[in-house]
Amino acid sequence: MSEPIPPITLPPSQNPQQEGEWLQKSLHRWLNEEFIPEAVNQEIARRAAQIYVRQRLEGENDLGSLVIAILTEMQAFDFSKSFYSEFAIANAVSDLLLDSLGIDRCCGQ
């Protein structure tokens, strides 16, 4: 039987606003590079970063919980002018955070 993937805990936030600014810029860049640049990408990145910062201010350090919060709250966002969905955004945030921590996200490693 395979082993469950252990949870990933982010270090406690020293500066949630700075983390949010980094996430917003990084996500916006990712959104523009993954498909084509769209005006709505800025708003998507801003909203995802807001959710992330609020969660971190509330003391959330578990990556899985952060991803679920972003997924859940982004369901209220109007993606009709975008190629993306709340699932793509939550997954992109997870990938960006894992990359920033130096964690290889390939193949469950």
Protein backbone atom coordinates (compact mmCIF):
# COMPACT_ATOMS: atom_id res chain seq x y z
CA MET A 1 0.00 0.00 0.00
CA SER A 2 1.34 3.46 -0.83
CA GLU A 3 2.14 5.95 1.89
CA PRO A 4 0.09 9.13 2.21
CA ILE A 5 1.81 12.33 1.19
CA PRO A 6 2.86 14.19 4.33
CA PRO A 7 1.45 17.69 4.81
CA ILE A 8 3.60 20.64 3.84
CA THR A 9 3.80 23.37 6.44
CA LEU A 10 4.98 26.82 5.45
CA PRO A 11 7.26 28.66 7.84
CA PRO A 12 5.38 31.14 10.04
CA SER A 13 4.78 34.36 8.17
CA GLN A 14 7.10 37.21 9.10
CA ASN A 15 5.51 39.66 6.69
CA PRO A 16 2.19 38.52 5.15
CA GLN A 17 1.81 41.72 3.07
CA GLN A 18 5.20 41.20 1.45
CA GLU A 19 4.37 37.54 0.78
CA GLY A 20 1.09 38.65 -0.77
CA GLU A 21 2.82 41.16 -3.04
CA TRP A 22 5.28 38.48 -4.15
CA LEU A 23 2.45 36.02 -4.77
CA GLN A 24 0.41 38.55 -6.73
CA LYS A 25 3.34 39.44 -9.00
CA SER A 26 4.41 35.82 -9.44
CA LEU A 27 0.90 34.57 -10.15
CA HIS A 28 0.20 37.42 -12.57
CA ARG A 29 3.41 36.60 -14.45
CA TRP A 30 2.52 32.89 -14.50
CA LEU A 31 -1.01 33.60 -15.78
CA ASN A 32 0.34 35.79 -18.60
CA GLU A 33 3.01 33.28 -19.60
CA GLU A 34 0.90 30.11 -19.40
CA PHE A 35 -1.55 31.18 -22.12
CA ILE A 36 -1.96 34.72 -23.39
CA PRO A 37 -1.90 37.92 -21.35
CA GLU A 38 -5.42 38.99 -20.44
CA ALA A 39 -6.57 42.07 -18.54
CA VAL A 40 -8.46 39.87 -16.06
CA ASN A 41 -5.22 38.15 -15.00
CA GLN A 42 -4.27 41.12 -12.81
CA GLU A 43 -7.57 40.89 -10.95
CA ILE A 44 -7.29 37.11 -10.55
CA ALA A 45 -3.79 37.46 -9.09
CA ARG A 46 -4.90 40.29 -6.80
CA ARG A 47 -7.86 38.30 -5.45
CA ALA A 48 -5.84 35.11 -4.89
CA ALA A 49 -3.15 37.10 -3.07
CA GLN A 50 -5.81 38.76 -0.85
CA ILE A 51 -7.14 35.36 0.17
CA TYR A 52 -3.63 34.08 0.82
CA VAL A 53 -2.69 37.08 2.99
CA ARG A 54 -5.88 36.85 5.03
CA GLN A 55 -5.31 33.15 5.64
CA ARG A 56 -1.70 33.76 6.69
CA LEU A 57 -2.77 36.60 9.02
CA GLU A 58 -5.19 34.14 10.61
CA GLY A 59 -2.24 31.83 11.28
CA GLU A 60 -2.71 29.29 8.50
CA ASN A 61 0.58 27.60 7.60
CA ASP A 62 -0.65 24.34 6.07
CA LEU A 63 -0.24 24.44 2.29
CA GLY A 64 -3.18 22.11 1.69
CA SER A 65 -5.49 24.30 3.77
CA LEU A 66 -4.28 27.42 1.96
CA VAL A 67 -4.97 25.81 -1.41
CA ILE A 68 -8.47 24.73 -0.34
CA ALA A 69 -9.21 28.25 0.95
CA ILE A 70 -8.11 29.80 -2.35
CA LEU A 71 -10.08 27.21 -4.33
CA THR A 72 -13.22 27.74 -2.25
CA GLU A 73 -13.14 31.53 -2.23
CA MET A 74 -12.17 31.85 -5.90
CA GLN A 75 -15.39 29.99 -6.80
CA ALA A 76 -17.14 33.34 -6.34
CA PHE A 77 -14.86 34.99 -8.92
CA ASP A 78 -16.22 35.51 -12.45
CA PHE A 79 -13.88 33.53 -14.71
CA SER A 80 -16.01 34.09 -17.83
CA LYS A 81 -13.33 36.37 -19.36
CA SER A 82 -10.48 34.01 -18.60
CA PHE A 83 -9.00 30.72 -19.74
CA TYR A 84 -8.55 29.78 -16.09
CA SER A 85 -10.72 28.42 -13.29
CA GLU A 86 -10.48 28.39 -9.52
CA PHE A 87 -8.78 24.98 -9.75
CA ALA A 88 -6.03 26.26 -12.03
CA ILE A 89 -5.44 29.24 -9.75
CA ALA A 90 -5.25 27.17 -6.56
CA ASN A 91 -2.86 24.70 -8.24
CA ALA A 92 -0.69 27.52 -9.59
CA VAL A 93 -0.46 29.11 -6.13
CA SER A 94 0.57 25.75 -4.70
CA ASP A 95 3.24 25.30 -7.37
CA LEU A 96 4.60 28.81 -6.87
CA LEU A 97 4.81 28.32 -3.10
CA LEU A 98 6.49 24.93 -3.46
CA ASP A 99 8.99 26.40 -5.91
CA SER A 100 9.73 29.26 -3.49
CA LEU A 101 10.46 26.72 -0.76
CA GLY A 102 12.71 24.68 -3.05
CA ILE A 103 10.40 21.66 -2.88
CA ASP A 104 10.36 19.50 -6.01
CA ARG A 105 6.73 19.09 -7.03
CA CYS A 106 7.37 16.42 -9.65
CA CYS A 107 6.14 12.89 -9.18
CA GLY A 108 5.07 13.29 -5.55
CA GLN A 109 8.64 13.75 -4.36
